C-alpha atoms as a PDB file:
ATOM      1  CA  MET A   1      92.887  89.168  94.137  1.00  0.00           C
ATOM      2  CA  THR A   2      92.981  92.940  93.715  1.00  0.00           C
ATOM      3  CA  TYR A   3      92.726  94.350  97.260  1.00  0.00           C
ATOM      4  CA  ILE A   4      93.294  93.180 100.798  1.00  0.00           C
ATOM      5  CA  PHE A   5      91.867  95.658 103.282  1.00  0.00           C
ATOM      6  CA  TYR A   6      92.267  95.276 107.045  1.00  0.00           C
ATOM      7  CA  ALA A   7      90.910  97.568 109.762  1.00  0.00           C
ATOM      8  CA  HIS A   8      90.440  96.382 113.338  1.00  0.00           C
ATOM      9  CA  SER A   9      87.171  97.329 115.044  1.00  0.00           C
ATOM     10  CA  ILE A  10      89.044  99.158 117.823  1.00  0.00           C
ATOM     11  CA  SER A  11      90.883 101.211 115.197  1.00  0.00           C
ATOM     12  CA  LEU A  12      87.595 102.135 113.543  1.00  0.00           C
ATOM     13  CA  ASN A  13      86.250 103.352 116.894  1.00  0.00           C
ATOM     14  CA  LEU A  14      89.406 105.384 117.506  1.00  0.00           C
ATOM     15  CA  ILE A  15      89.257 107.047 114.102  1.00  0.00           C
ATOM     16  CA  CYS A  16      85.662 108.089 114.730  1.00  0.00           C
ATOM     17  CA  MET A  17      86.815 109.892 117.874  1.00  0.00           C
ATOM     18  CA  ASN A  18      90.128 111.252 116.476  1.00  0.00           C
ATOM     19  CA  GLN A  19      89.666 112.127 112.826  1.00  0.00           C
ATOM     20  CA  LYS A  20      91.643 115.351 112.593  1.00  0.00           C
ATOM     21  CA  VAL A  21      95.114 114.045 111.654  1.00  0.00           C
ATOM     22  CA  LEU A  22      95.911 111.012 109.503  1.00  0.00           C
ATOM     23  CA  LEU A  23      99.241 109.984 108.011  1.00  0.00           C
ATOM     24  CA  ILE A  24      99.109 107.917 104.824  1.00  0.00           C
ATOM     25  CA  ASN A  25     102.243 106.086 103.712  1.00  0.00           C
ATOM     26  CA  ASP A  26     102.557 103.936 100.621  1.00  0.00           C
ATOM     27  CA  THR A  27     105.421 101.809  99.420  1.00  0.00           C
ATOM     28  CA  TYR A  28     105.841 100.160  96.050  1.00  0.00           C
ATOM     29  CA  LYS A  29     107.911  97.170  94.995  1.00  0.00           C
ATOM     30  CA  THR A  30     109.425  96.690  98.425  1.00  0.00           C
ATOM     31  CA  ASN A  31     107.929  93.321  99.200  1.00  0.00           C
ATOM     32  CA  LYS A  32     108.496  89.922  97.631  1.00  0.00           C
ATOM     33  CA  TYR A  33     105.459  90.127  95.331  1.00  0.00           C
ATOM     34  CA  TRP A  34     105.849  93.808  94.278  1.00  0.00           C
ATOM     35  CA  ILE A  35     102.416  94.692  95.668  1.00  0.00           C
ATOM     36  CA  LEU A  36     101.572  98.236  96.695  1.00  0.00           C
ATOM     37  CA  PHE A  37     101.083  98.590 100.464  1.00  0.00           C
ATOM     38  CA  ILE A  38      99.234 101.494 102.103  1.00  0.00           C
ATOM     39  CA  TYR A  39      99.582 102.120 105.821  1.00  0.00           C
ATOM     40  CA  VAL A  40      97.300 104.700 107.480  1.00  0.00           C
ATOM     41  CA  VAL A  41      98.068 105.958 110.984  1.00  0.00           C
ATOM     42  CA  GLY A  42      95.825 108.104 113.168  1.00  0.00           C
ATOM     43  CA  PHE A  43      97.005 110.409 115.929  1.00  0.00           C
ATOM     44  CA  MET A  44      95.361 111.018 119.297  1.00  0.00           C
ATOM     45  CA  ALA A  45      95.971 113.492 122.080  1.00  0.00           C
ATOM     46  CA  PHE A  46      99.146 113.194 124.162  1.00  0.00           C
ATOM     47  CA  ASN A  47     101.266 112.294 121.089  1.00  0.00           C
ATOM     48  CA  SER A  48      99.994 108.736 120.802  1.00  0.00           C
ATOM     49  CA  SER A  49      99.245 107.012 117.498  1.00  0.00           C
ATOM     50  CA  PHE A  50      97.376 103.962 116.291  1.00  0.00           C
ATOM     51  CA  THR A  51      97.233 101.899 113.111  1.00  0.00           C
ATOM     52  CA  MET A  52      94.019 102.653 111.322  1.00  0.00           C
ATOM     53  CA  VAL A  53      94.113 100.685 108.069  1.00  0.00           C
ATOM     54  CA  LEU A  54      96.412  98.304 106.201  1.00  0.00           C
ATOM     55  CA  VAL A  55      95.768  97.870 102.469  1.00  0.00           C
ATOM     56  CA  PHE A  56      97.504  95.747  99.832  1.00  0.00           C
ATOM     57  CA  MET A  57      96.681  96.787  96.250  1.00  0.00           C
ATOM     58  CA  ALA A  58      97.598  95.182  92.941  1.00  0.00           C
ATOM     59  CA  SER A  59      97.370  98.413  90.920  1.00  0.00           C
ATOM     60  CA  LYS A  60      98.903 101.880  91.215  1.00  0.00           C
ATOM     61  CA  GLU A  61      96.038 103.638  89.396  1.00  0.00           C
ATOM     62  CA  VAL A  62      94.264 106.633  90.931  1.00  0.00           C
ATOM     63  CA  GLY A  63      90.967 104.723  91.094  1.00  0.00           C
ATOM     64  CA  SER A  64      92.641 102.074  93.241  1.00  0.00           C
ATOM     65  CA  TYR A  65      93.617 104.693  95.805  1.00  0.00           C
ATOM     66  CA  TRP A  66      90.019 105.973  95.981  1.00  0.00           C
ATOM     67  CA  ILE A  67      88.719 102.455  96.587  1.00  0.00           C
ATOM     68  CA  ALA A  68      91.323 101.858  99.298  1.00  0.00           C
ATOM     69  CA  LEU A  69      90.600 105.107 101.122  1.00  0.00           C
ATOM     70  CA  GLU A  70      86.814 104.872 101.077  1.00  0.00           C
END
């Protein structure tokens, strides 16, 4: 398995309405299996945030990031 991509339908609706600010965080070799984890957070009005996407990737290559963020 190369990618695990998770985005809840409510999060997808929220990102369509609030697409101005996104925060992308990635960690490497912090979990048991040394798999890259990308966490994308969206921000709404009134200083509230929501989880947009969770992605586990097996590779750290640039092409992997493009696939994860499409």
